[in-house]
């Protein structure tokens, strides 16, 4: 059975202490640090406290730690920031870190993609030096009125990444694939299949098909019939919003997701043979 991790962003809008208090009380012991919680003076002390109690951490993108900084790897690379961040990850014994693909301009996309790969190579070296596995997350088409778009929002760009960056892993967000409107289910599953030996983790939640709003998983979630297509040794990270829920409600949500992966309703063999519906 896949290890289930809970993103800290699932309980956003509160301090790290409040979020981890709830997650710990709900029986959660594996957390992926991420944005969404409010920075506070005691963030690092709280993270260390729960780690000493037995909490394990992964990390994703612009995590909230002693500082919170957004970044776009297609535009800039703050070496000092990433040296301090990766030093902190190593000190916290965090061995898996992932980032978003960069945002690029339509008019200058080739140059920005090249810059993204250059910056990613620098980050990858920092991670390798500290025994941290680095991954990049699959993204999705942005709304029409946005001046930039995400890189790695289609199969061709993911294949380009896998070729150009052979020593960096991939994070597939199954909810992001729901926003790939020009891609059939069969093609989405092929992305998962082609990257199965390079997967750092899978991110799961749902959305309305328009925005990446991290809703809870339901009977209509597109990937539910194909859960068995995911390699069983790949960590799963739940990103569905649980803001404001009680400890018992959070516990029930996590149990429900664990049950999904414990009892799948499709097999890799049947999917590979084409027994699915677009």
Foldseek 3Di string as FASTA:
>chain_A
DAAEEEELLQAAPEAPLVSVVLCVLLVHQEYEFDDRHDADPCQQVSVVVSVVVRHHYEYEAQGRDNDGDHDFQLPDADPVVLLVVLVVCLVSVHAEYEYEAGWDAPVCRVSSNVSSLVNVVVSCVSSVVSNHAYEYEAAAADDPPDRTGGQNHDDVRVVVCCVSPVRHAYEYELQRVLLHVVADPLRVLVSCVVRLVRYQAYEYAHDPNHDPQRAHDDPVGPCLQPLQSHPRHHHYYYNHHPHPPGSVVVSVSVVVVVVSNVDGNYHNVCVVVPPDDD
